[in-house]
N, C-alpha and C. Protein backbone atom coordinates (compact mmCIF):
# COMPACT_ATOMS: atom_id res chain seq x y z
N UNK A 1 -19.15 -1.14 7.03
CA UNK A 1 -18.81 -2.53 7.49
C UNK A 1 -17.02 -2.17 7.77
N UNK A 2 -16.76 -2.96 9.22
CA UNK A 2 -15.36 -2.73 9.39
C UNK A 2 -14.93 -4.18 10.02
N UNK A 3 -13.88 -4.58 9.91
CA UNK A 3 -13.16 -5.24 10.38
C UNK A 3 -12.89 -5.28 12.09
N UNK A 4 -12.60 -6.59 12.81
CA UNK A 4 -12.08 -6.54 14.30
C UNK A 4 -11.42 -5.44 14.71
N UNK A 5 -10.76 -4.68 13.82
CA UNK A 5 -9.89 -3.40 14.66
C UNK A 5 -10.44 -2.34 14.61
N UNK A 6 -11.69 -2.36 13.46
CA UNK A 6 -12.17 -0.89 13.58
C UNK A 6 -11.94 -0.14 12.26
N UNK A 7 -11.49 -1.11 11.25
CA UNK A 7 -10.65 -0.46 9.89
C UNK A 7 -11.97 -0.88 9.00
N UNK A 8 -12.32 0.40 7.86
CA UNK A 8 -13.24 0.58 7.08
C UNK A 8 -13.08 -0.52 6.06
N UNK A 9 -14.09 -1.70 5.61
CA UNK A 9 -13.77 -2.82 4.83
C UNK A 9 -14.83 -2.41 3.77
N UNK A 10 -16.04 -1.81 3.66
CA UNK A 10 -17.28 -1.68 2.71
C UNK A 10 -18.25 -0.55 3.39
N UNK A 11 -18.37 0.33 2.29
CA UNK A 11 -19.42 1.90 2.51
C UNK A 11 -20.22 1.84 1.80
N UNK A 12 -21.47 1.62 2.24
CA UNK A 12 -22.65 1.85 0.91
C UNK A 12 -23.14 2.98 1.76
N UNK A 13 -24.07 4.04 0.65
CA UNK A 13 -24.73 4.73 1.26
C UNK A 13 -26.70 4.39 1.06
N UNK A 14 -27.32 4.57 1.73
CA UNK A 14 -28.52 4.27 1.53
C UNK A 14 -29.59 5.65 1.58
N UNK A 15 -30.68 5.56 1.17
CA UNK A 15 -31.53 6.62 1.03
C UNK A 15 -32.14 7.17 2.45
N UNK A 16 -32.35 8.16 2.83
CA UNK A 16 -33.07 8.29 3.99
C UNK A 16 -32.89 7.42 5.04
N UNK A 17 -34.30 7.24 5.58
CA UNK A 17 -34.39 6.36 6.99
C UNK A 17 -34.81 4.73 6.24
N UNK A 18 -33.90 4.41 5.43
CA UNK A 18 -34.08 2.97 4.72
C UNK A 18 -33.33 2.28 5.75
N UNK A 19 -33.96 0.89 5.99
CA UNK A 19 -33.59 -0.13 6.92
C UNK A 19 -32.49 -0.55 6.43
N UNK A 20 -31.22 -0.95 6.83
CA UNK A 20 -30.00 -1.21 6.28
C UNK A 20 -29.93 -2.42 6.33
N UNK A 21 -30.75 -3.29 7.31
CA UNK A 21 -30.77 -4.68 6.85
C UNK A 21 -31.06 -5.15 5.17
N UNK A 22 -31.34 -4.28 5.01
CA UNK A 22 -32.01 -4.39 3.72
C UNK A 22 -30.44 -4.46 2.69
N UNK A 23 -29.43 -3.88 2.54
CA UNK A 23 -28.27 -4.07 2.40
C UNK A 23 -27.20 -4.73 2.65
N UNK A 24 -27.42 -5.42 3.58
CA UNK A 24 -26.30 -6.58 4.31
C UNK A 24 -26.07 -7.85 3.15
N UNK A 25 -26.88 -7.95 2.31
CA UNK A 25 -26.29 -9.00 1.28
C UNK A 25 -25.25 -8.14 0.21
N UNK A 26 -25.53 -7.22 -0.31
CA UNK A 26 -24.59 -6.32 -1.20
C UNK A 26 -23.54 -5.54 -0.43
N UNK A 27 -23.57 -5.62 1.07
CA UNK A 27 -22.35 -5.08 1.60
C UNK A 27 -21.40 -6.30 1.90
N UNK A 28 -22.03 -7.45 2.10
CA UNK A 28 -21.18 -8.06 2.62
C UNK A 28 -20.25 -9.07 1.31
N UNK A 29 -20.98 -8.62 -0.01
CA UNK A 29 -20.69 -9.54 -1.02
C UNK A 29 -19.59 -8.28 -1.68
N UNK A 30 -19.56 -7.08 -1.66
CA UNK A 30 -18.46 -6.29 -1.97
C UNK A 30 -17.39 -6.26 -0.86
N UNK A 31 -17.52 -6.50 0.39
CA UNK A 31 -16.36 -6.74 1.03
C UNK A 31 -15.91 -8.05 0.96
N UNK A 32 -16.07 -9.24 0.77
CA UNK A 32 -15.75 -10.44 0.20
C UNK A 32 -15.25 -10.60 -0.66
N UNK A 33 -15.80 -9.63 -1.65
CA UNK A 33 -14.93 -10.00 -3.38
C UNK A 33 -13.73 -8.53 -3.27
N UNK A 34 -13.84 -7.60 -2.28
CA UNK A 34 -12.27 -6.87 -2.25
C UNK A 34 -11.33 -7.39 -1.58
N UNK A 35 -11.94 -8.17 -0.68
CA UNK A 35 -10.88 -8.96 0.35
C UNK A 35 -10.76 -10.72 -0.16
N UNK A 36 -10.39 -10.82 -0.87
CA UNK A 36 -10.81 -12.37 -1.30
C UNK A 36 -10.09 -13.69 -0.34
N UNK A 37 -9.10 -12.98 0.06
CA UNK A 37 -8.29 -13.95 1.00
C UNK A 37 -8.85 -13.96 2.45
N UNK A 38 -9.79 -13.35 2.91
CA UNK A 38 -10.20 -12.90 4.35
C UNK A 38 -11.24 -12.83 4.24
N UNK A 39 -12.04 -13.99 4.95
CA UNK A 39 -13.51 -14.53 5.17
C UNK A 39 -13.93 -14.68 7.03
N UNK A 40 -14.33 -13.30 7.27
CA UNK A 40 -14.67 -13.23 8.55
C UNK A 40 -15.33 -14.39 9.06
N UNK A 41 -14.98 -14.97 10.55
CA UNK A 41 -15.51 -16.15 10.89
C UNK A 41 -16.60 -16.04 11.49
N UNK A 42 -17.10 -14.68 12.02
CA UNK A 42 -18.43 -14.00 12.62
C UNK A 42 -18.65 -12.81 12.24
N UNK A 43 -20.17 -12.43 11.74
CA UNK A 43 -20.59 -11.19 11.59
C UNK A 43 -21.15 -10.81 12.75
N UNK A 44 -21.11 -9.58 13.66
CA UNK A 44 -21.97 -9.11 14.49
C UNK A 44 -22.78 -7.89 13.93
N UNK A 45 -24.16 -8.17 14.36
CA UNK A 45 -25.19 -6.88 14.02
C UNK A 45 -25.96 -6.69 15.03
N UNK A 46 -26.76 -5.42 14.98
CA UNK A 46 -27.73 -5.54 15.96
C UNK A 46 -28.88 -5.96 15.61
N UNK A 47 -30.01 -5.57 16.07
CA UNK A 47 -31.42 -6.21 16.03
C UNK A 47 -32.03 -6.03 14.37
N UNK A 48 -31.61 -4.63 13.89
CA UNK A 48 -31.64 -4.16 12.88
C UNK A 48 -31.94 -5.14 11.76
N UNK A 49 -30.75 -6.31 11.88
CA UNK A 49 -30.15 -6.83 10.97
C UNK A 49 -30.98 -8.60 11.27
N UNK A 50 -31.81 -8.67 12.14
CA UNK A 50 -32.27 -9.75 12.91
C UNK A 50 -33.38 -10.44 11.77
N UNK A 51 -33.09 -11.42 10.87
CA UNK A 51 -34.53 -12.16 10.13
C UNK A 51 -33.74 -13.72 9.88
N UNK A 52 -34.48 -14.43 9.01
CA UNK A 52 -33.73 -15.27 9.09
C UNK A 52 -33.06 -15.55 7.56
N UNK A 53 -33.84 -14.29 7.15
CA UNK A 53 -32.80 -14.30 5.21
C UNK A 53 -31.38 -14.35 5.90
N UNK A 54 -31.40 -12.93 6.51
CA UNK A 54 -29.90 -12.61 6.79
C UNK A 54 -28.90 -13.76 7.32
N UNK A 55 -29.47 -14.47 8.79
CA UNK A 55 -28.84 -15.38 8.90
C UNK A 55 -28.73 -16.65 8.29
N UNK A 56 -29.49 -16.77 7.68
CA UNK A 56 -29.22 -18.13 6.13
C UNK A 56 -28.30 -17.61 5.26
N UNK A 57 -28.42 -16.48 4.81
CA UNK A 57 -27.62 -16.06 3.97
C UNK A 57 -26.05 -15.94 4.53
N UNK A 58 -26.04 -15.42 5.85
CA UNK A 58 -24.38 -15.65 6.53
C UNK A 58 -23.83 -16.95 6.43
N UNK A 59 -24.66 -18.21 7.20
CA UNK A 59 -24.40 -19.19 7.27
C UNK A 59 -24.27 -19.86 5.91
N UNK A 60 -24.35 -19.72 5.24
CA UNK A 60 -24.42 -20.32 3.26
C UNK A 60 -23.11 -19.85 3.26
N UNK A 61 -22.68 -18.59 3.79
CA UNK A 61 -21.53 -17.89 3.34
C UNK A 61 -19.96 -18.42 4.08
N UNK A 62 -20.73 -19.37 5.12
CA UNK A 62 -19.81 -19.96 6.13
C UNK A 62 -19.37 -19.05 7.28
N UNK A 63 -19.89 -17.98 7.65
CA UNK A 63 -20.09 -16.78 8.64
C UNK A 63 -21.18 -17.16 9.53
N UNK A 64 -20.53 -16.81 10.83
CA UNK A 64 -21.68 -17.44 11.98
C UNK A 64 -22.24 -16.03 12.20
N UNK A 65 -23.42 -15.82 12.49
CA UNK A 65 -24.12 -14.44 12.29
C UNK A 65 -24.39 -14.66 14.14
N UNK A 66 -23.97 -13.21 14.58
CA UNK A 66 -24.12 -12.96 15.67
C UNK A 66 -25.08 -11.68 16.12
N UNK A 67 -26.43 -12.11 16.28
CA UNK A 67 -27.52 -10.98 15.80
C UNK A 67 -28.49 -11.24 17.01
N UNK A 68 -28.65 -10.23 18.09
CA UNK A 68 -29.59 -10.57 19.12
C UNK A 68 -31.11 -11.02 18.02
N UNK A 69 -32.04 -11.71 18.78
CA UNK A 69 -33.42 -11.92 18.40
C UNK A 69 -34.24 -10.69 19.04
N UNK A 70 -35.11 -10.44 17.80
CA UNK A 70 -36.08 -9.43 18.25
C UNK A 70 -37.17 -10.16 19.31
N UNK A 71 -37.80 -9.10 20.06
CA UNK A 71 -38.94 -9.96 21.03
C UNK A 71 -39.95 -10.21 20.29
N UNK A 72 -40.45 -9.83 19.17
CA UNK A 72 -41.30 -10.71 18.57
C UNK A 72 -40.97 -12.02 17.35
N UNK A 73 -39.93 -12.46 17.51
CA UNK A 73 -39.53 -13.49 17.05
C UNK A 73 -39.79 -14.73 17.68
N UNK A 74 -40.13 -16.24 17.04
CA UNK A 74 -40.32 -17.19 17.82
C UNK A 74 -39.60 -18.04 18.28
N UNK A 75 -40.04 -18.44 19.75
CA UNK A 75 -38.93 -19.45 20.42
C UNK A 75 -38.28 -20.48 19.72
N UNK A 76 -39.03 -21.00 18.69
CA UNK A 76 -38.25 -22.10 17.76
C UNK A 76 -37.26 -21.09 17.46
N UNK A 77 -37.27 -20.29 16.67
CA UNK A 77 -36.33 -19.70 15.68
C UNK A 77 -34.99 -19.32 16.56
N UNK A 78 -35.24 -19.18 17.94
CA UNK A 78 -33.94 -19.21 19.18
C UNK A 78 -33.30 -20.72 19.23
N UNK A 79 -34.02 -21.71 19.05
CA UNK A 79 -33.46 -23.18 19.09
C UNK A 79 -32.67 -23.33 17.73
N UNK A 80 -33.22 -22.64 16.87
CA UNK A 80 -32.48 -23.34 15.66
C UNK A 80 -31.19 -22.61 15.75
N UNK A 81 -31.09 -21.43 16.26
CA UNK A 81 -29.69 -20.49 15.76
C UNK A 81 -28.91 -20.84 17.20
N UNK A 82 -29.65 -21.97 18.11
CA UNK A 82 -28.26 -21.76 19.00
C UNK A 82 -28.12 -20.90 20.02
N UNK A 83 -27.35 -20.95 21.17
CA UNK A 83 -27.22 -19.99 22.02
C UNK A 83 -25.99 -18.64 21.47
N UNK A 84 -26.92 -17.45 21.87
CA UNK A 84 -26.22 -16.31 21.43
C UNK A 84 -25.11 -15.90 22.30
N UNK A 85 -23.95 -15.64 21.36
CA UNK A 85 -22.55 -15.18 22.02
C UNK A 85 -22.59 -13.75 22.21
N UNK A 86 -22.58 -13.50 23.71
CA UNK A 86 -22.69 -12.08 24.13
C UNK A 86 -21.39 -11.72 24.03
N UNK A 87 -20.24 -12.28 24.75
CA UNK A 87 -18.94 -11.84 24.53
C UNK A 87 -18.68 -11.22 22.76
N UNK A 88 -18.98 -11.96 21.69
CA UNK A 88 -18.68 -11.47 20.72
C UNK A 88 -19.41 -10.40 20.10
N UNK A 89 -20.77 -10.46 21.14
CA UNK A 89 -21.84 -9.24 20.25
C UNK A 89 -21.04 -7.53 21.32
N UNK A 90 -20.53 -7.80 22.38
CA UNK A 90 -19.75 -6.78 22.81
C UNK A 90 -19.37 -6.28 22.12
N UNK A 91 -18.42 -6.69 21.14
CA UNK A 91 -17.11 -6.22 20.24
C UNK A 91 -17.80 -5.46 18.90
N UNK A 92 -19.68 -5.03 19.04
CA UNK A 92 -20.44 -4.45 18.25
C UNK A 92 -19.79 -3.07 18.48
N UNK A 93 -19.53 -2.27 19.30
CA UNK A 93 -19.08 -1.11 19.49
C UNK A 93 -18.01 -0.61 18.66
N UNK A 94 -16.96 -1.62 18.02
CA UNK A 94 -16.18 -1.07 17.13
C UNK A 94 -16.64 -0.39 15.68
N UNK A 95 -17.72 -0.85 15.54
CA UNK A 95 -18.45 -0.35 14.47
C UNK A 95 -19.01 1.28 14.62
N UNK A 96 -19.17 1.29 15.82
CA UNK A 96 -19.87 2.76 16.76
C UNK A 96 -18.50 3.76 16.47
N UNK A 97 -17.54 2.58 16.97
CA UNK A 97 -16.09 3.81 17.34
C UNK A 97 -15.61 4.21 16.20
N UNK A 98 -15.55 3.42 14.97
CA UNK A 98 -14.86 4.21 13.54
C UNK A 98 -16.20 4.57 12.83
N UNK A 99 -17.61 4.79 13.11
CA UNK A 99 -18.31 5.82 12.90
C UNK A 99 -18.27 6.92 13.03
N UNK A 100 -17.92 7.25 14.48
CA UNK A 100 -17.26 8.43 15.32
C UNK A 100 -15.95 8.87 14.80
N UNK A 101 -14.98 8.35 14.64
CA UNK A 101 -13.87 8.62 13.79
C UNK A 101 -14.04 9.05 12.75
N UNK A 102 -15.09 8.77 11.65
CA UNK A 102 -15.60 9.10 10.50
C UNK A 102 -16.29 10.81 10.55
N UNK A 103 -16.94 10.77 11.60
CA UNK A 103 -17.77 12.01 12.05
C UNK A 103 -17.04 13.34 12.80
N UNK A 104 -15.65 12.70 12.72
CA UNK A 104 -14.59 14.02 13.14
C UNK A 104 -14.34 14.87 11.96
N UNK A 105 -14.57 14.32 10.65
CA UNK A 105 -14.48 14.84 9.29
C UNK A 105 -15.44 15.78 9.35
N UNK A 106 -15.38 17.21 9.26
CA UNK A 106 -16.91 17.71 9.33
C UNK A 106 -18.12 17.37 7.85
N UNK A 107 -16.99 17.75 6.81
CA UNK A 107 -17.75 17.01 5.63
C UNK A 107 -18.99 15.84 5.60
N UNK A 108 -18.42 14.87 6.52
CA UNK A 108 -18.88 13.78 6.64
C UNK A 108 -20.19 13.89 7.47
N UNK A 109 -19.59 14.35 8.82
CA UNK A 109 -20.79 14.41 10.27
C UNK A 109 -22.10 15.44 9.50
N UNK A 110 -21.78 16.78 8.73
CA UNK A 110 -22.92 17.34 8.33
C UNK A 110 -23.62 17.06 7.05
N UNK A 111 -22.76 16.25 6.48
CA UNK A 111 -23.57 15.63 4.91
C UNK A 111 -23.85 16.92 4.16
N UNK A 112 -22.95 17.65 3.98
CA UNK A 112 -23.08 19.23 2.71
C UNK A 112 -22.94 18.63 1.69
N UNK A 113 -22.77 17.74 0.57
CA UNK A 113 -22.79 17.18 -0.05
C UNK A 113 -24.41 16.82 -0.76
N UNK A 114 -25.21 17.18 -1.81
CA UNK A 114 -26.46 16.81 -1.98
C UNK A 114 -26.29 15.66 -2.63
N UNK A 115 -25.47 15.03 -3.25
CA UNK A 115 -25.46 13.83 -4.25
C UNK A 115 -24.80 12.91 -3.32
N UNK A 116 -25.69 11.59 -3.67
CA UNK A 116 -24.54 10.50 -3.15
C UNK A 116 -23.28 10.11 -3.25
N UNK A 117 -22.62 10.16 -4.86
CA UNK A 117 -21.77 9.74 -5.38
C UNK A 117 -20.44 11.04 -4.43
N UNK A 118 -21.15 12.34 -4.36
CA UNK A 118 -20.15 13.26 -3.77
C UNK A 118 -19.88 13.26 -2.17
N UNK A 119 -21.20 12.81 -1.57
CA UNK A 119 -21.09 12.25 -0.05
C UNK A 119 -19.94 11.12 0.10
N UNK A 120 -20.05 9.97 -0.78
CA UNK A 120 -19.36 8.92 -0.90
C UNK A 120 -17.81 9.13 -1.30
N UNK A 121 -17.60 10.18 -1.92
CA UNK A 121 -16.32 10.53 -2.12
C UNK A 121 -15.40 10.99 -0.98
N UNK A 122 -16.50 11.72 0.08
CA UNK A 122 -15.60 11.87 1.08
C UNK A 122 -15.61 11.29 2.04
N UNK A 123 -16.90 10.24 2.02
CA UNK A 123 -16.29 9.31 2.92
C UNK A 123 -15.23 8.42 2.94
N UNK A 124 -14.96 8.43 1.57
CA UNK A 124 -13.58 7.80 0.96
C UNK A 124 -12.41 8.23 1.55
N UNK A 125 -12.57 9.48 1.03
CA UNK A 125 -11.09 10.70 1.81
C UNK A 125 -10.87 10.53 2.95
N UNK A 126 -12.11 10.32 3.87
CA UNK A 126 -11.93 10.13 5.15
C UNK A 126 -11.57 9.07 5.88
N UNK A 127 -11.81 7.96 4.63
CA UNK A 127 -11.29 6.35 5.11
C UNK A 127 -9.88 6.58 4.73
N UNK A 128 -9.39 7.09 4.06
CA UNK A 128 -7.81 7.17 3.30
C UNK A 128 -7.06 7.55 4.38
N UNK A 129 -7.72 9.26 4.93
CA UNK A 129 -6.99 9.82 5.73
C UNK A 129 -7.22 8.82 7.22
N UNK A 130 -7.99 8.09 7.71
CA UNK A 130 -7.82 7.33 8.72
C UNK A 130 -6.78 6.22 8.49
N UNK A 131 -6.20 5.54 7.34
CA UNK A 131 -5.92 4.73 7.25
C UNK A 131 -4.56 5.53 7.05
N UNK A 132 -4.03 6.75 6.52
CA UNK A 132 -2.94 6.97 6.81
C UNK A 132 -2.32 7.63 8.41
N UNK A 133 -3.28 8.06 9.03
CA UNK A 133 -3.18 7.78 10.15
C UNK A 133 -2.50 6.74 10.95
N UNK A 134 -2.82 5.89 10.43
CA UNK A 134 -2.74 4.71 11.51
C UNK A 134 -1.52 4.26 10.96
N UNK A 135 -0.85 4.50 9.61
CA UNK A 135 0.59 4.24 9.38
C UNK A 135 1.64 4.84 9.95
N UNK A 136 1.19 6.22 10.02
CA UNK A 136 2.57 7.22 11.00
C UNK A 136 2.74 6.83 12.40
């Protein structure tokens, strides 16, 4: 999870090919707990996060979901969530650019570490280096 400037707010490692929509709750809870004074107005996600449960949870937190509907979702759901904000959705590339910056670190890109704790340690180290680069 990143902020609007591409700064990493929270990282969670999942198993193999697990659907990332299942970790949206813990990811958001961790980011909000780490930054108590900062609550985002919108959360932009791809179709992998498209579910009523995810949208309801975001609205309950006071965050507007900007998640496109899947083709197989009901038309009345589209009416329930209102007009899709295409301009805000274009900002989703900020996360992709952040991932590309993290993959500049070979140990993160190739995942040499077998254990999740070791891999998360390398990701955290890469995040620290990116923050230090931004300060200089």
